[in-house]
Amino acid sequence: MFKLASSFLILELTLTGNNIHILYMTGAVKYHIHREPGCEVQSPAGYYIVKEEHIAELEGGALLYVLAEAISGSACCGAGTLRYIVVSGWIRDRAVATDGDGNAVSTFVPVDRDKESNKIIDFLSNKYPALQVCFW
């Protein structure tokens, strides 16, 4: 196991052959695991299904976002589908490692909500008018 540290990042990882397995990461830089469409992703509120992953070249850089779908419902009332956009942030390094399942991992810097979120919401709302925009 390796541990790298700087003033803004602590990263613990293991190396197996050509794969790097990220165990823990903190600081301003976060990581994003790229998943295939149809893949379920666990979240604090349950899970969502990746529909599409996109990178948009904007004024601030390369913006990484995912079109996601969650199933909501109950046994008495049936189920519904909720589609929305999850904005990870600005890509810093693309596909720098793989996770334990072989998925590419990129690092990103989250969007500054005070300064950047309105222009990103405008951009995505024009492209996907019916979807809510959520930030990581």
C-alpha atoms as a PDB file:
ATOM      1  CA  MET A   1       0.000   0.000   0.000  1.00  0.00           C
ATOM      2  CA  PHE A   2       1.150   3.516  -0.824  1.00  0.00           C
ATOM      3  CA  LYS A   3       0.090   6.720   0.884  1.00  0.00           C
ATOM      4  CA  LEU A   4       0.565  10.084  -0.807  1.00  0.00           C
ATOM      5  CA  ALA A   5      -0.087  13.357   1.010  1.00  0.00           C
ATOM      6  CA  SER A   6       0.019  17.054   0.203  1.00  0.00           C
ATOM      7  CA  SER A   7      -1.628  20.160   1.619  1.00  0.00           C
ATOM      8  CA  PHE A   8      -4.882  19.372  -0.208  1.00  0.00           C
ATOM      9  CA  LEU A   9      -4.900  15.623  -0.792  1.00  0.00           C
ATOM     10  CA  ILE A  10      -4.417  12.358   1.049  1.00  0.00           C
ATOM     11  CA  LEU A  11      -4.496   9.309  -1.182  1.00  0.00           C
ATOM     12  CA  GLU A  12      -4.107   5.681  -0.139  1.00  0.00           C
ATOM     13  CA  LEU A  13      -3.821   3.093  -2.877  1.00  0.00           C
ATOM     14  CA  THR A  14      -2.639  -0.399  -3.655  1.00  0.00           C
ATOM     15  CA  LEU A  15      -0.932  -1.547  -6.822  1.00  0.00           C
ATOM     16  CA  THR A  16      -1.802  -4.887  -8.423  1.00  0.00           C
ATOM     17  CA  GLY A  17      -0.067  -5.505 -11.719  1.00  0.00           C
ATOM     18  CA  ASN A  18      -0.990  -2.515 -13.898  1.00  0.00           C
ATOM     19  CA  ASN A  19      -4.049  -1.585 -11.794  1.00  0.00           C
ATOM     20  CA  ILE A  20      -4.155   1.035  -9.063  1.00  0.00           C
ATOM     21  CA  HIS A  21      -6.884   0.532  -6.462  1.00  0.00           C
ATOM     22  CA  ILE A  22      -7.916   3.748  -4.707  1.00  0.00           C
ATOM     23  CA  LEU A  23      -8.783   3.092  -1.077  1.00  0.00           C
ATOM     24  CA  TYR A  24      -9.221   6.597   0.327  1.00  0.00           C
ATOM     25  CA  MET A  25      -9.038  10.136  -1.016  1.00  0.00           C
ATOM     26  CA  THR A  26      -9.679  13.532   0.568  1.00  0.00           C
ATOM     27  CA  GLY A  27      -9.185  17.183  -0.286  1.00  0.00           C
ATOM     28  CA  ALA A  28     -10.257  19.481  -3.084  1.00  0.00           C
ATOM     29  CA  VAL A  29      -9.582  16.836  -5.723  1.00  0.00           C
ATOM     30  CA  LYS A  30     -12.132  13.976  -5.835  1.00  0.00           C
ATOM     31  CA  TYR A  31     -12.327  10.836  -7.927  1.00  0.00           C
ATOM     32  CA  HIS A  32     -14.952   9.593 -10.366  1.00  0.00           C
ATOM     33  CA  ILE A  33     -15.351   5.959 -11.383  1.00  0.00           C
ATOM     34  CA  HIS A  34     -16.492   5.749 -14.998  1.00  0.00           C
ATOM     35  CA  ARG A  35     -19.277   3.197 -15.336  1.00  0.00           C
ATOM     36  CA  GLU A  36     -21.019   1.662 -18.315  1.00  0.00           C
ATOM     37  CA  PRO A  37     -24.629   2.615 -19.088  1.00  0.00           C
ATOM     38  CA  GLY A  38     -27.031   0.391 -17.151  1.00  0.00           C
ATOM     39  CA  CYS A  39     -24.655   0.020 -14.212  1.00  0.00           C
ATOM     40  CA  GLU A  40     -26.057   0.583 -10.704  1.00  0.00           C
ATOM     41  CA  VAL A  41     -24.165   3.066  -8.519  1.00  0.00           C
ATOM     42  CA  GLN A  42     -24.633   3.080  -4.735  1.00  0.00           C
ATOM     43  CA  SER A  43     -25.327   6.454  -3.147  1.00  0.00           C
ATOM     44  CA  PRO A  44     -26.249   7.564   0.382  1.00  0.00           C
ATOM     45  CA  ALA A  45     -29.942   7.593  -0.558  1.00  0.00           C
ATOM     46  CA  GLY A  46     -29.958   4.201  -2.286  1.00  0.00           C
ATOM     47  CA  TYR A  47     -28.732   3.744  -5.832  1.00  0.00           C
ATOM     48  CA  TYR A  48     -29.032   5.177  -9.308  1.00  0.00           C
ATOM     49  CA  ILE A  49     -28.545   3.696 -12.758  1.00  0.00           C
ATOM     50  CA  VAL A  50     -26.098   5.313 -15.167  1.00  0.00           C
ATOM     51  CA  LYS A  51     -27.884   6.139 -18.419  1.00  0.00           C
ATOM     52  CA  GLU A  52     -25.138   8.180 -20.112  1.00  0.00           C
ATOM     53  CA  GLU A  53     -21.856   9.815 -19.140  1.00  0.00           C
ATOM     54  CA  HIS A  54     -20.726  13.039 -20.822  1.00  0.00           C
ATOM     55  CA  ILE A  55     -17.845  15.481 -20.880  1.00  0.00           C
ATOM     56  CA  ALA A  56     -18.688  19.008 -22.031  1.00  0.00           C
ATOM     57  CA  GLU A  57     -15.974  21.473 -22.973  1.00  0.00           C
ATOM     58  CA  LEU A  58     -16.983  24.734 -21.312  1.00  0.00           C
ATOM     59  CA  GLU A  59     -15.266  27.983 -20.390  1.00  0.00           C
ATOM     60  CA  GLY A  60     -14.027  26.524 -17.079  1.00  0.00           C
ATOM     61  CA  GLY A  61     -12.649  23.332 -18.640  1.00  0.00           C
ATOM     62  CA  ALA A  62     -13.960  19.818 -19.200  1.00  0.00           C
ATOM     63  CA  LEU A  63     -17.157  19.282 -17.195  1.00  0.00           C
ATOM     64  CA  LEU A  64     -17.984  15.681 -16.255  1.00  0.00           C
ATOM     65  CA  TYR A  65     -21.643  14.798 -15.739  1.00  0.00           C
ATOM     66  CA  VAL A  66     -23.854  11.711 -15.716  1.00  0.00           C
ATOM     67  CA  LEU A  67     -27.465  11.265 -16.783  1.00  0.00           C
ATOM     68  CA  ALA A  68     -28.889   9.089 -14.029  1.00  0.00           C
ATOM     69  CA  GLU A  69     -32.126   7.285 -13.282  1.00  0.00           C
ATOM     70  CA  ALA A  70     -33.548   6.247  -9.929  1.00  0.00           C
ATOM     71  CA  ILE A  71     -36.576   4.074  -9.291  1.00  0.00           C
ATOM     72  CA  SER A  72     -39.019   5.322  -6.702  1.00  0.00           C
ATOM     73  CA  GLY A  73     -42.230   3.773  -5.518  1.00  0.00           C
ATOM     74  CA  SER A  74     -43.924   1.542  -3.035  1.00  0.00           C
ATOM     75  CA  ALA A  75     -45.725  -1.769  -2.898  1.00  0.00           C
ATOM     76  CA  CYS A  76     -49.117  -0.060  -2.614  1.00  0.00           C
ATOM     77  CA  CYS A  77     -48.772   2.639  -5.258  1.00  0.00           C
ATOM     78  CA  GLY A  78     -46.480   1.272  -7.939  1.00  0.00           C
ATOM     79  CA  ALA A  79     -43.091   2.494  -9.086  1.00  0.00           C
ATOM     80  CA  GLY A  80     -41.919   5.537 -10.978  1.00  0.00           C
ATOM     81  CA  THR A  81     -38.698   6.634 -12.615  1.00  0.00           C
ATOM     82  CA  LEU A  82     -36.806   9.797 -11.737  1.00  0.00           C
ATOM     83  CA  ARG A  83     -34.201  11.004 -14.230  1.00  0.00           C
ATOM     84  CA  TYR A  84     -31.697  13.698 -13.318  1.00  0.00           C
ATOM     85  CA  ILE A  85     -28.158  14.945 -13.975  1.00  0.00           C
ATOM     86  CA  VAL A  86     -25.286  14.368 -11.542  1.00  0.00           C
ATOM     87  CA  VAL A  87     -22.480  16.886 -12.122  1.00  0.00           C
ATOM     88  CA  SER A  88     -19.180  15.564 -10.783  1.00  0.00           C
ATOM     89  CA  GLY A  89     -17.114  18.626 -11.677  1.00  0.00           C
ATOM     90  CA  TRP A  90     -14.105  19.744 -13.702  1.00  0.00           C
ATOM     91  CA  ILE A  91     -11.872  16.910 -14.882  1.00  0.00           C
ATOM     92  CA  ARG A  92      -8.336  17.249 -13.625  1.00  0.00           C
ATOM     93  CA  ASP A  93      -6.781  13.974 -14.837  1.00  0.00           C
ATOM     94  CA  ARG A  94      -8.675  11.592 -17.083  1.00  0.00           C
ATOM     95  CA  ALA A  95      -8.493   7.808 -16.636  1.00  0.00           C
ATOM     96  CA  VAL A  96      -5.442   7.893 -14.356  1.00  0.00           C
ATOM     97  CA  ALA A  97      -6.215   4.550 -12.689  1.00  0.00           C
ATOM     98  CA  THR A  98      -8.683   1.674 -12.572  1.00  0.00           C
ATOM     99  CA  ASP A  99     -10.761   0.429  -9.681  1.00  0.00           C
ATOM    100  CA  GLY A 100     -10.954  -3.187  -8.489  1.00  0.00           C
ATOM    101  CA  ASP A 101     -13.483  -4.001 -11.238  1.00  0.00           C
ATOM    102  CA  GLY A 102     -11.369  -2.529 -14.051  1.00  0.00           C
ATOM    103  CA  ASN A 103     -13.391   0.690 -14.427  1.00  0.00           C
ATOM    104  CA  ALA A 104     -11.405   3.806 -15.358  1.00  0.00           C
ATOM    105  CA  VAL A 105     -10.979   6.382 -12.585  1.00  0.00           C
ATOM    106  CA  SER A 106     -10.546  10.106 -13.218  1.00  0.00           C
ATOM    107  CA  THR A 107      -9.846  12.912 -10.782  1.00  0.00           C
ATOM    108  CA  PHE A 108     -11.962  16.056 -10.738  1.00  0.00           C
ATOM    109  CA  VAL A 109     -12.440  19.295  -8.851  1.00  0.00           C
ATOM    110  CA  PRO A 110     -16.038  19.896  -7.701  1.00  0.00           C
ATOM    111  CA  VAL A 111     -17.912  22.888  -9.121  1.00  0.00           C
ATOM    112  CA  ASP A 112     -17.743  26.078  -7.078  1.00  0.00           C
ATOM    113  CA  ARG A 113     -21.467  26.396  -6.393  1.00  0.00           C
ATOM    114  CA  ASP A 114     -21.311  30.100  -5.552  1.00  0.00           C
ATOM    115  CA  LYS A 115     -19.482  31.092  -8.736  1.00  0.00           C
ATOM    116  CA  GLU A 116     -20.169  28.441 -11.381  1.00  0.00           C
ATOM    117  CA  SER A 117     -23.399  26.553 -10.739  1.00  0.00           C
ATOM    118  CA  ASN A 118     -25.804  28.982 -12.432  1.00  0.00           C
ATOM    119  CA  LYS A 119     -24.000  28.913 -15.791  1.00  0.00           C
ATOM    120  CA  ILE A 120     -23.754  25.105 -15.635  1.00  0.00           C
ATOM    121  CA  ILE A 121     -27.452  24.776 -14.779  1.00  0.00           C
ATOM    122  CA  ASP A 122     -28.299  27.081 -17.715  1.00  0.00           C
ATOM    123  CA  PHE A 123     -26.127  25.028 -20.098  1.00  0.00           C
ATOM    124  CA  LEU A 124     -27.546  21.665 -18.988  1.00  0.00           C
ATOM    125  CA  SER A 125     -31.155  22.898 -18.754  1.00  0.00           C
ATOM    126  CA  ASN A 126     -30.993  24.043 -22.375  1.00  0.00           C
ATOM    127  CA  LYS A 127     -29.713  20.620 -23.398  1.00  0.00           C
ATOM    128  CA  TYR A 128     -31.987  18.580 -21.072  1.00  0.00           C
ATOM    129  CA  PRO A 129     -34.994  20.823 -20.245  1.00  0.00           C
ATOM    130  CA  ALA A 130     -36.920  18.352 -18.068  1.00  0.00           C
ATOM    131  CA  LEU A 131     -34.068  17.151 -15.846  1.00  0.00           C
ATOM    132  CA  GLN A 132     -32.963  18.409 -12.435  1.00  0.00           C
ATOM    133  CA  VAL A 133     -29.259  19.263 -12.092  1.00  0.00           C
ATOM    134  CA  CYS A 134     -27.522  17.963  -8.943  1.00  0.00           C
ATOM    135  CA  PHE A 135     -23.935  18.735  -7.952  1.00  0.00           C
ATOM    136  CA  TRP A 136     -21.509  16.307  -6.321  1.00  0.00           C
END
